[in-house]
């Protein structure tokens, strides 16, 4: 089994890592419990999250391609069986069952790059409970990580207001896989490229980069370092100007090299300078004046130095003369919000005789942790005129709606808050699509750059008020009348039973 894509030419780039046992122990002990009790009912599990990262107004779904790979390659080999046996908690009949294990269920998912909101299922697993239980942990770790970084990237891209964002956080990521898949997710979220060469190879995304301070320091002087670099890469000449003194040395030496290139007849294209320290607003303004005065008005100024969406937004407000941004640590780690918080909950159990899915609900002292029961799907409601999102509606999987009729939606917690959407003023789109049917993949993942384009269009369906970085407007995620009634009845029933107890 390959390591979720870490494979080239039939061999692992990293040390071999099989992912079948990428699970929590209690998934395995529950599986054995179901097995011993001859309990393998077909069930519905929902993977969803409860709140948007960084107190934002939305999130971006990412990681589905790696979920597909994991499910397709889910096998227990001799080494896995031997390790489980060594734990001395699993019986031989259960281990024999695992030898022939294959995922046989159905999976529905929201496609990668889609704008998503709390409480709606990102992935729905419909399968025998032993199978559905086993895949929980891997699905969550894949979706949680990539959705988190894609969301962070979308926020950074929004702050840049059209300027290019390059991801280069590999050295600060929590390990190689987080660096590679974080870079993948960052490109999905809107980054123009990554410094991560392995990510570029695996997913055919643009790789970008210049040079480090060590390049400058390894030469006798700054000018010689710049000149040598320009000779090597005349069509992608970005010079790091803050090694010694940005305005007295770095920028003047860069201008000297650019002037010599022009005098030598070398076309100046895709060229500029990078700032990596100091007051970026002030430095960029002063550097812009120097470049323009020397006749290099089209030279770009890029910047790095512990950037995030808030600092970029502030620098833009201050009128910084920066048109390209390199974001590392704060993006690849989502430093201010390092966890996505996705969960995986049982929603329904199929009656063996009738085939009907019996809704199940999880109660909690915390209202936001009470789950939505039943076999569900999601419809996105768009304003027909603007194409913007009006709301999302979670409903039962067999419910249908008519765009030619009025629709009344309401907040499932504060039910007095109602909205009437008039007939012919809205359009509907079902978000969950089939990914696996009967254990076979029926979905073809787009390329990462295609997903990036999808994500860009998805973000355009958000109102500006939802995209703002601070105190964004909340998009409504409502329940259909039928689903709300089922949930209310289950809550009432549980309440009565608690009193009797």
Protein backbone atom coordinates (compact mmCIF):
# COMPACT_ATOMS: atom_id res chain seq x y z
CA UNK A 1 0.00 0.00 0.00
CA UNK A 2 1.40 3.38 -0.91
CA UNK A 3 1.56 6.23 1.56
CA UNK A 4 -1.37 8.27 0.29
CA UNK A 5 0.48 9.27 -2.85
CA UNK A 6 4.10 9.15 -1.66
CA UNK A 7 5.06 6.84 -4.50
CA UNK A 8 7.16 7.15 -7.60
CA UNK A 9 8.28 4.52 -10.06
CA UNK A 10 6.77 1.71 -8.00
CA UNK A 11 8.63 2.56 -4.79
CA UNK A 12 7.93 4.78 -1.82
CA UNK A 13 9.77 8.08 -1.65
CA UNK A 14 9.53 7.88 2.13
CA UNK A 15 9.98 4.70 4.12
CA UNK A 16 7.20 2.22 3.43
CA UNK A 17 4.10 3.00 5.43
CA UNK A 18 0.91 0.95 5.13
CA UNK A 19 -2.22 2.81 6.17
CA UNK A 20 -4.61 0.01 7.07
CA UNK A 21 -3.70 0.42 10.75
CA UNK A 22 -3.96 4.20 10.58
CA UNK A 23 -6.80 4.00 13.07
CA UNK A 24 -7.52 4.32 16.76
CA UNK A 25 -7.42 1.12 18.76
CA UNK A 26 -11.01 1.45 19.85
CA UNK A 27 -12.16 1.16 16.25
CA UNK A 28 -10.57 -2.30 16.18
CA UNK A 29 -11.92 -3.36 19.58
CA UNK A 30 -15.42 -2.24 18.59
CA UNK A 31 -15.09 -4.16 15.33
CA UNK A 32 -14.25 -7.32 17.25
CA UNK A 33 -17.19 -6.66 19.56
CA UNK A 34 -19.54 -6.38 16.62
CA UNK A 35 -18.01 -9.50 15.10
CA UNK A 36 -18.38 -11.55 18.29
CA UNK A 37 -22.00 -10.50 18.66
CA UNK A 38 -22.82 -11.19 15.01
CA UNK A 39 -23.75 -7.52 14.69
CA UNK A 40 -22.99 -5.96 11.33
CA UNK A 41 -26.03 -3.84 10.55
CA UNK A 42 -25.85 -1.42 7.66
CA UNK A 43 -25.50 2.08 9.08
CA UNK A 44 -25.05 5.72 8.14
CA UNK A 45 -22.16 7.74 9.54
CA UNK A 46 -21.70 11.47 8.90
CA UNK A 47 -18.37 13.31 8.95
CA UNK A 48 -18.92 17.00 9.68
CA UNK A 49 -17.49 19.90 11.69
CA UNK A 50 -19.09 22.24 14.20
CA UNK A 51 -17.45 25.65 13.74
CA UNK A 52 -15.47 27.45 11.06
CA UNK A 53 -11.69 27.76 11.53
CA UNK A 54 -10.29 31.13 12.67
CA UNK A 55 -13.82 32.38 13.48
CA UNK A 56 -14.39 32.68 9.74
CA UNK A 57 -17.59 32.59 7.75
CA UNK A 58 -16.92 29.41 5.77
CA UNK A 59 -14.48 26.56 5.14
CA UNK A 60 -13.12 24.76 2.06
CA UNK A 61 -13.51 21.01 1.64
CA UNK A 62 -10.28 19.18 0.69
CA UNK A 63 -8.73 15.73 0.93
CA UNK A 64 -11.28 13.57 -0.86
CA UNK A 65 -8.76 12.17 -3.36
CA UNK A 66 -6.64 10.82 -0.50
CA UNK A 67 -9.72 9.35 1.18
CA UNK A 68 -10.47 7.49 -2.06
CA UNK A 69 -6.93 6.11 -2.21
CA UNK A 70 -7.15 4.97 1.40
CA UNK A 71 -10.46 3.15 0.88
CA UNK A 72 -9.32 1.49 -2.34
CA UNK A 73 -6.17 0.10 -0.74
CA UNK A 74 -7.67 -0.94 2.60
CA UNK A 75 -6.27 -4.44 3.17
CA UNK A 76 -4.92 -6.36 6.19
CA UNK A 77 -1.71 -8.13 5.18
CA UNK A 78 0.29 -10.71 7.13
CA UNK A 79 2.32 -8.04 8.89
CA UNK A 80 -0.83 -6.23 10.05
CA UNK A 81 -2.38 -9.46 11.32
CA UNK A 82 0.83 -10.42 13.13
CA UNK A 83 0.97 -7.07 14.90
CA UNK A 84 -2.67 -7.23 15.97
CA UNK A 85 -2.10 -10.76 17.27
CA UNK A 86 0.85 -9.51 19.31
CA UNK A 87 -1.44 -7.15 21.23
CA UNK A 88 -3.14 -10.24 22.72
CA UNK A 89 -6.61 -8.68 22.65
CA UNK A 90 -7.90 -10.05 19.35
CA UNK A 91 -9.12 -13.63 18.84
CA UNK A 92 -8.10 -15.80 15.91
CA UNK A 93 -11.57 -15.95 14.37
CA UNK A 94 -11.67 -12.15 14.20
CA UNK A 95 -8.16 -12.00 12.75
CA UNK A 96 -9.21 -14.55 10.13
CA UNK A 97 -12.12 -12.25 9.22
CA UNK A 98 -9.72 -9.35 8.76
CA UNK A 99 -7.61 -11.28 6.25
CA UNK A 100 -10.43 -11.09 3.70
CA UNK A 101 -11.59 -7.59 4.69
CA UNK A 102 -12.69 -5.30 1.87
CA UNK A 103 -14.77 -2.13 2.03
CA UNK A 104 -18.13 -2.94 0.44
CA UNK A 105 -20.21 0.11 1.28
CA UNK A 106 -21.29 3.37 -0.31
CA UNK A 107 -19.70 6.76 0.24
CA UNK A 108 -21.13 10.14 -0.69
CA UNK A 109 -19.07 13.31 -0.39
CA UNK A 110 -18.96 17.02 -1.08
CA UNK A 111 -16.39 17.52 -3.89
CA UNK A 112 -13.05 19.09 -3.08
CA UNK A 113 -12.83 22.84 -3.43
CA UNK A 114 -16.46 23.35 -2.39
CA UNK A 115 -17.35 26.03 0.13
CA UNK A 116 -18.74 24.31 3.24
CA UNK A 117 -20.40 25.27 6.50
CA UNK A 118 -20.75 23.77 9.98
CA UNK A 119 -22.97 20.77 10.77
CA UNK A 120 -23.45 19.57 7.19
CA UNK A 121 -22.06 16.14 6.25
CA UNK A 122 -18.85 16.43 4.23
CA UNK A 123 -18.75 12.67 3.81
CA UNK A 124 -21.55 10.16 4.36
CA UNK A 125 -20.59 6.52 4.78
CA UNK A 126 -23.32 3.91 4.25
CA UNK A 127 -21.89 0.49 5.05
CA UNK A 128 -21.93 -2.48 7.44
CA UNK A 129 -21.04 -1.08 10.83
CA UNK A 130 -17.71 -2.89 11.12
CA UNK A 131 -16.54 -1.31 7.86
CA UNK A 132 -17.97 2.11 8.65
CA UNK A 133 -16.34 2.06 12.07
CA UNK A 134 -12.88 1.15 10.81
CA UNK A 135 -12.58 4.01 8.31
CA UNK A 136 -13.53 6.75 10.78
CA UNK A 137 -10.08 7.81 11.96
CA UNK A 138 -8.37 7.92 8.58
CA UNK A 139 -11.22 9.84 6.97
CA UNK A 140 -11.11 12.42 9.74
CA UNK A 141 -7.34 12.89 9.80
CA UNK A 142 -7.26 13.38 6.02
CA UNK A 143 -10.27 15.71 5.79
CA UNK A 144 -9.47 17.67 8.93
CA UNK A 145 -5.94 18.50 7.85
CA UNK A 146 -6.48 19.41 4.24
CA UNK A 147 -9.75 21.27 4.82
CA UNK A 148 -8.04 23.31 7.54
CA UNK A 149 -5.12 24.36 5.33
CA UNK A 150 -7.30 24.98 2.26
CA UNK A 151 -9.48 27.25 4.39
CA UNK A 152 -6.49 29.12 5.78
CA UNK A 153 -5.14 29.58 2.26
CA UNK A 154 -8.49 30.95 1.07
CA UNK A 155 -8.40 33.54 3.86
CA UNK A 156 -4.84 34.57 3.00
CA UNK A 157 -5.72 34.82 -0.70
CA UNK A 158 -8.75 36.96 0.15
CA UNK A 159 -6.59 39.34 2.18
CA UNK A 160 -4.17 39.75 -0.74
CA UNK A 161 -6.98 41.07 -2.96
CA UNK A 162 -5.74 39.64 -6.23
CA UNK A 163 -2.00 39.51 -5.50
CA UNK A 164 -0.35 36.13 -5.89
CA UNK A 165 0.21 34.00 -2.79
CA UNK A 166 3.00 31.42 -2.80
CA UNK A 167 3.03 28.68 -0.16
CA UNK A 168 6.47 27.87 1.21
CA UNK A 169 5.99 26.39 4.66
CA UNK A 170 7.46 22.90 4.16
CA UNK A 171 10.29 23.36 6.64
CA UNK A 172 7.82 24.47 9.31
CA UNK A 173 5.15 21.84 8.66
CA UNK A 174 4.49 19.07 11.17
CA UNK A 175 6.34 16.48 9.14
CA UNK A 176 6.73 15.55 5.46
CA UNK A 177 3.15 14.38 4.87
CA UNK A 178 1.72 17.54 6.43
CA UNK A 179 4.08 19.57 4.25
CA UNK A 180 3.12 17.81 1.03
CA UNK A 181 -0.61 17.57 1.61
CA UNK A 182 -0.72 20.96 3.25
CA UNK A 183 0.83 22.44 0.11
CA UNK A 184 -1.72 20.55 -1.99
CA UNK A 185 -4.54 22.02 0.09
CA UNK A 186 -3.02 25.51 -0.04
CA UNK A 187 -3.05 25.44 -3.84
CA UNK A 188 -6.67 24.28 -3.76
CA UNK A 189 -7.45 27.24 -1.49
CA UNK A 190 -6.02 29.65 -4.06
CA UNK A 191 -2.22 29.82 -3.81
CA UNK A 192 -0.51 30.32 -7.17
CA UNK A 193 2.17 27.78 -6.35
CA UNK A 194 4.36 26.18 -3.71
CA UNK A 195 8.06 25.89 -2.95
CA UNK A 196 7.51 22.17 -2.26
CA UNK A 197 9.08 20.30 -5.17
CA UNK A 198 7.66 16.91 -4.14
CA UNK A 199 4.16 18.37 -4.05
CA UNK A 200 4.77 19.79 -7.51
CA UNK A 201 5.84 16.40 -8.81
CA UNK A 202 3.02 14.42 -7.21
CA UNK A 203 0.17 16.77 -8.05
CA UNK A 204 1.43 18.72 -11.08
CA UNK A 205 1.15 22.13 -9.42
CA UNK A 206 3.44 25.13 -10.05
CA UNK A 207 6.64 25.27 -7.99
CA UNK A 208 8.26 28.62 -7.31
CA UNK A 209 11.20 30.02 -5.41
CA UNK A 210 14.22 32.32 -5.48
CA UNK A 211 17.28 32.05 -3.26
CA UNK A 212 18.18 32.33 0.42
CA UNK A 213 20.36 34.75 2.37
CA UNK A 214 23.03 32.05 2.36
CA UNK A 215 23.40 32.53 -1.41
CA UNK A 216 24.29 36.18 -0.85
CA UNK A 217 26.57 35.44 2.07
CA UNK A 218 28.51 32.77 0.16
CA UNK A 219 29.84 35.33 -2.34
CA UNK A 220 32.45 38.03 -1.73
CA UNK A 221 29.81 40.75 -1.99
CA UNK A 222 26.10 41.29 -2.59
CA UNK A 223 26.46 42.57 -6.15
CA UNK A 224 28.42 39.50 -7.27
CA UNK A 225 25.77 37.22 -5.73
CA UNK A 226 22.98 39.08 -7.53
CA UNK A 227 24.87 39.16 -10.83
CA UNK A 228 25.63 35.44 -10.71
CA UNK A 229 22.01 34.60 -9.97
CA UNK A 230 20.74 36.85 -12.76
CA UNK A 231 23.11 35.17 -15.23
CA UNK A 232 21.72 31.78 -14.25
CA UNK A 233 18.02 32.70 -14.22
CA UNK A 234 17.44 35.76 -16.42
CA UNK A 235 13.78 34.87 -16.99
CA UNK A 236 12.95 34.45 -13.29
CA UNK A 237 15.21 36.90 -11.54
CA UNK A 238 13.95 37.71 -8.05
CA UNK A 239 16.69 39.09 -5.81
CA UNK A 240 16.54 38.94 -2.01
CA UNK A 241 17.62 42.43 -0.95
CA UNK A 242 17.65 42.46 2.86
CA UNK A 243 20.78 40.43 3.72
CA UNK A 244 22.84 43.48 4.71
CA UNK A 245 20.99 46.77 4.25
CA UNK A 246 17.81 46.80 2.20
CA UNK A 247 17.71 50.41 1.00
CA UNK A 248 21.39 51.36 1.05
CA UNK A 249 22.78 48.14 -0.40
CA UNK A 250 20.19 45.54 -1.47
CA UNK A 251 17.92 47.57 -3.72
CA UNK A 252 20.76 49.64 -5.31
CA UNK A 253 22.68 46.45 -6.14
CA UNK A 254 19.53 44.88 -7.60
CA UNK A 255 19.01 47.99 -9.74
CA UNK A 256 22.62 47.79 -10.91
CA UNK A 257 22.09 44.18 -12.04
CA UNK A 258 18.77 44.98 -13.74
CA UNK A 259 20.42 47.89 -15.58
CA UNK A 260 23.26 45.69 -16.77
CA UNK A 261 20.78 43.09 -18.00
CA UNK A 262 18.91 45.73 -19.97
CA UNK A 263 22.11 47.13 -21.46
CA UNK A 264 23.13 43.60 -22.49
CA UNK A 265 19.85 43.20 -24.39
CA UNK A 266 18.42 40.62 -21.98
CA UNK A 267 14.62 40.96 -21.90
CA UNK A 268 13.46 41.91 -18.41
CA UNK A 269 10.39 39.85 -17.59
CA UNK A 270 9.22 38.21 -14.40
CA UNK A 271 11.84 40.07 -12.40
CA UNK A 272 11.87 41.92 -9.12
CA UNK A 273 12.99 41.92 -5.50
CA UNK A 274 11.98 40.16 -2.29
CA UNK A 275 11.75 41.69 1.18
CA UNK A 276 12.04 39.32 4.12
CA UNK A 277 12.43 41.58 7.16
CA UNK A 278 11.86 45.03 8.55
CA UNK A 279 8.86 47.31 8.21
CA UNK A 280 7.44 45.86 5.02
CA UNK A 281 5.09 48.76 4.37
CA UNK A 282 7.84 51.38 4.66
CA UNK A 283 10.51 49.30 2.94
CA UNK A 284 8.28 48.45 -0.01
CA UNK A 285 7.31 52.09 -0.54
CA UNK A 286 10.91 53.24 -0.48
CA UNK A 287 12.04 50.37 -2.71
CA UNK A 288 9.27 51.21 -5.18
CA UNK A 289 10.51 54.79 -5.41
CA UNK A 290 14.07 53.63 -6.07
CA UNK A 291 13.02 51.11 -8.71
CA UNK A 292 10.70 53.56 -10.48
CA UNK A 293 13.31 56.33 -10.47
CA UNK A 294 15.75 53.93 -12.13
CA UNK A 295 13.23 53.09 -14.84
CA UNK A 296 12.13 49.69 -13.57
CA UNK A 297 8.46 50.42 -12.99
CA UNK A 298 7.48 46.88 -13.96
CA UNK A 299 9.80 45.19 -11.45
CA UNK A 300 7.66 43.48 -8.83
CA UNK A 301 8.17 43.58 -5.09
CA UNK A 302 7.46 40.41 -3.20
CA UNK A 303 7.47 39.92 0.55
CA UNK A 304 7.71 37.21 3.15
CA UNK A 305 8.47 37.28 6.93
CA UNK A 306 5.88 35.53 9.10
CA UNK A 307 2.90 36.72 7.10
CA UNK A 308 -0.72 35.77 7.64
CA UNK A 309 -4.05 37.11 6.42
CA UNK A 310 -4.27 39.78 9.12
CA UNK A 311 -0.79 41.19 8.47
CA UNK A 312 -1.30 41.14 4.71
CA UNK A 313 -4.63 42.93 5.15
CA UNK A 314 -2.94 45.53 7.36
CA UNK A 315 -0.08 46.05 4.90
CA UNK A 316 -2.55 46.47 2.04
CA UNK A 317 -4.42 49.06 4.10
CA UNK A 318 -1.13 50.89 4.72
CA UNK A 319 -0.52 51.10 0.99
CA UNK A 320 2.42 48.71 0.87
CA UNK A 321 3.85 48.42 -2.64
CA UNK A 322 3.87 44.63 -2.63
CA UNK A 323 2.27 42.53 -5.35
CA UNK A 324 3.41 39.03 -4.44
CA UNK A 325 3.41 37.35 -1.06
CA UNK A 326 5.21 34.30 0.29
CA UNK A 327 3.44 32.73 3.25
CA UNK A 328 4.99 29.88 5.20
CA UNK A 329 4.58 28.95 8.87
CA UNK A 330 1.24 30.62 9.54
CA UNK A 331 -0.31 29.00 6.48
CA UNK A 332 1.07 25.46 6.50
CA UNK A 333 0.30 25.08 10.23
CA UNK A 334 -2.80 27.28 10.35
CA UNK A 335 -1.04 28.69 13.37
CA UNK A 336 -3.91 30.61 14.94
CA UNK A 337 -6.31 27.66 14.55
CA UNK A 338 -4.33 24.40 14.35
CA UNK A 339 -7.27 21.96 14.28
CA UNK A 340 -10.35 21.69 12.07
CA UNK A 341 -12.51 19.82 14.57
CA UNK A 342 -14.28 17.42 12.24
CA UNK A 343 -16.22 14.56 13.87
CA UNK A 344 -17.81 11.32 12.68
CA UNK A 345 -21.16 10.33 14.13
CA UNK A 346 -23.66 7.52 13.70
CA UNK A 347 -26.85 8.90 12.14
CA UNK A 348 -28.98 5.88 11.23
CA UNK A 349 -29.20 2.08 11.40
CA UNK A 350 -30.93 0.10 8.67
CA UNK A 351 -33.77 -2.23 9.66
CA UNK A 352 -32.79 -5.65 8.30
CA UNK A 353 -36.40 -6.59 7.46
CA UNK A 354 -37.80 -3.38 5.99
CA UNK A 355 -34.62 -1.81 4.66
CA UNK A 356 -35.68 1.45 6.30
CA UNK A 357 -33.00 3.57 7.97
CA UNK A 358 -33.92 4.20 11.61
CA UNK A 359 -32.66 7.63 12.69
CA UNK A 360 -30.23 7.80 15.62
CA UNK A 361 -29.29 10.87 17.63
CA UNK A 362 -26.49 11.77 20.03
CA UNK A 363 -27.49 13.95 22.96
CA UNK A 364 -25.24 16.33 24.84
CA UNK A 365 -25.34 18.95 27.54
CA UNK A 366 -23.90 21.23 24.85
CA UNK A 367 -26.62 22.09 22.34
CA UNK A 368 -24.16 22.39 19.45
CA UNK A 369 -23.03 18.79 20.01
CA UNK A 370 -26.49 17.28 19.49
CA UNK A 371 -26.35 15.51 16.13
CA UNK A 372 -28.75 15.57 13.20
CA UNK A 373 -30.31 12.10 12.78
CA UNK A 374 -31.20 10.10 9.70
CA UNK A 375 -29.95 9.32 6.21
CA UNK A 376 -29.44 12.82 4.86
CA UNK A 377 -28.33 14.96 1.95
CA UNK A 378 -27.70 18.68 1.50
CA UNK A 379 -29.16 21.20 -0.92
CA UNK A 380 -27.48 24.54 -1.51
CA UNK A 381 -29.88 27.39 -2.20
CA UNK A 382 -28.58 30.08 -4.56
CA UNK A 383 -30.06 33.44 -5.39
CA UNK A 384 -31.08 33.06 -9.03
CA UNK A 385 -30.16 36.63 -9.98
CA UNK A 386 -26.74 36.97 -8.30
CA UNK A 387 -25.64 33.34 -8.03
CA UNK A 388 -24.77 33.93 -4.37
CA UNK A 389 -25.53 31.42 -1.62
CA UNK A 390 -28.75 32.10 0.28
CA UNK A 391 -28.56 29.12 2.63
CA UNK A 392 -27.87 25.40 2.88
CA UNK A 393 -30.65 22.94 3.68
CA UNK A 394 -29.95 19.59 5.33
CA UNK A 395 -32.78 17.17 4.60
CA UNK A 396 -33.60 13.49 4.32
CA UNK A 397 -31.94 11.73 1.40
CA UNK A 398 -35.24 11.05 -0.39
CA UNK A 399 -36.62 14.60 -0.12
CA UNK A 400 -37.03 16.73 -3.23
CA UNK A 401 -37.93 20.38 -3.67
CA UNK A 402 -39.46 22.45 -6.46
CA UNK A 403 -37.79 25.72 -7.45
CA UNK A 404 -41.14 26.85 -8.83
CA UNK A 405 -42.61 26.90 -5.32
CA UNK A 406 -42.01 29.15 -2.32
CA UNK A 407 -39.61 27.77 0.24
CA UNK A 408 -39.70 28.64 3.93
CA UNK A 409 -36.51 27.93 5.88
CA UNK A 410 -35.87 28.46 9.57
CA UNK A 411 -33.06 28.34 12.09
CA UNK A 412 -33.08 24.87 13.72
CA UNK A 413 -32.09 26.31 17.11
CA UNK A 414 -33.91 29.65 17.09
CA UNK A 415 -36.95 28.42 15.19
CA UNK A 416 -38.76 31.76 15.23
CA UNK A 417 -36.17 33.03 12.75
CA UNK A 418 -37.78 32.22 9.40
CA UNK A 419 -37.08 33.25 5.82
CA UNK A 420 -39.42 32.94 2.87
CA UNK A 421 -37.66 32.39 -0.45
CA UNK A 422 -40.06 33.15 -3.26
CA UNK A 423 -40.69 30.80 -6.15
CA UNK A 424 -38.47 31.21 -9.23
CA UNK A 425 -35.99 33.42 -7.35
CA UNK A 426 -33.66 30.61 -6.33
CA UNK A 427 -31.88 27.55 -7.68
CA UNK A 428 -30.95 24.33 -5.89
CA UNK A 429 -27.86 22.11 -6.06
CA UNK A 430 -27.39 18.84 -4.21
CA UNK A 431 -23.92 18.87 -2.64
CA UNK A 432 -23.30 15.20 -1.81
CA UNK A 433 -22.24 13.13 -4.83
CA UNK A 434 -21.66 9.34 -5.06
CA UNK A 435 -18.02 8.36 -4.59
CA UNK A 436 -18.22 4.62 -3.81
CA UNK A 437 -21.07 2.25 -4.66
CA UNK A 438 -20.88 -1.29 -3.38
CA UNK A 439 -17.21 -0.82 -2.54
CA UNK A 440 -16.28 0.34 -6.05
CA UNK A 441 -15.14 3.89 -6.75
CA UNK A 442 -17.52 5.65 -9.15
CA UNK A 443 -15.93 9.10 -8.90
CA UNK A 444 -13.01 10.61 -10.80
CA UNK A 445 -11.05 13.24 -8.90
CA UNK A 446 -10.15 16.39 -10.85
CA UNK A 447 -6.54 17.55 -10.91
CA UNK A 448 -5.41 19.89 -8.14
CA UNK A 449 -5.34 22.86 -10.49
CA UNK A 450 -8.87 22.01 -11.68
CA UNK A 451 -9.98 21.83 -8.05
CA UNK A 452 -8.33 25.22 -7.50
CA UNK A 453 -10.47 26.65 -10.32
CA UNK A 454 -13.56 25.05 -8.77
CA UNK A 455 -12.66 26.61 -5.43
CA UNK A 456 -12.22 30.05 -6.99
CA UNK A 457 -15.71 29.84 -8.48
CA UNK A 458 -17.09 28.54 -5.19
CA UNK A 459 -15.67 31.50 -3.28
CA UNK A 460 -17.36 33.82 -5.78
CA UNK A 461 -20.73 32.45 -4.61
CA UNK A 462 -20.11 33.88 -1.13
CA UNK A 463 -21.36 37.34 -0.23
CA UNK A 464 -18.61 39.81 0.69
CA UNK A 465 -20.00 39.94 4.22
CA UNK A 466 -19.28 36.23 4.66
CA UNK A 467 -15.72 36.48 3.34
CA UNK A 468 -14.53 39.26 5.64
CA UNK A 469 -11.83 38.25 8.10
CA UNK A 470 -13.41 39.66 11.27
CA UNK A 471 -16.98 39.08 12.43
CA UNK A 472 -18.24 37.59 9.15
CA UNK A 473 -21.90 37.09 8.37
CA UNK A 474 -23.04 33.53 9.10
CA UNK A 475 -24.53 31.54 6.24
CA UNK A 476 -27.67 29.74 7.36
CA UNK A 477 -27.56 25.94 7.56
CA UNK A 478 -31.15 24.89 8.15
CA UNK A 479 -33.06 21.63 8.49
CA UNK A 480 -36.01 20.59 6.36
CA UNK A 481 -39.39 20.33 8.04
CA UNK A 482 -39.28 16.52 7.94
CA UNK A 483 -35.79 16.29 9.41
CA UNK A 484 -36.55 18.86 12.08
CA UNK A 485 -39.67 16.91 13.07
CA UNK A 486 -37.71 13.65 13.38
CA UNK A 487 -35.03 15.36 15.46
CA UNK A 488 -37.61 17.00 17.72
CA UNK A 489 -39.46 13.72 18.24
CA UNK A 490 -36.24 11.91 19.15
CA UNK A 491 -35.28 14.66 21.59
CA UNK A 492 -38.71 14.53 23.17
CA UNK A 493 -38.55 10.74 23.44
CA UNK A 494 -35.10 10.84 25.01
CA UNK A 495 -36.28 13.49 27.44
CA UNK A 496 -39.23 11.36 28.57
CA UNK A 497 -37.01 8.33 28.98
CA UNK A 498 -34.56 10.34 31.07
CA UNK A 499 -37.39 11.40 33.41
CA UNK A 500 -38.57 7.81 33.77
CA UNK A 501 -35.03 6.70 34.54
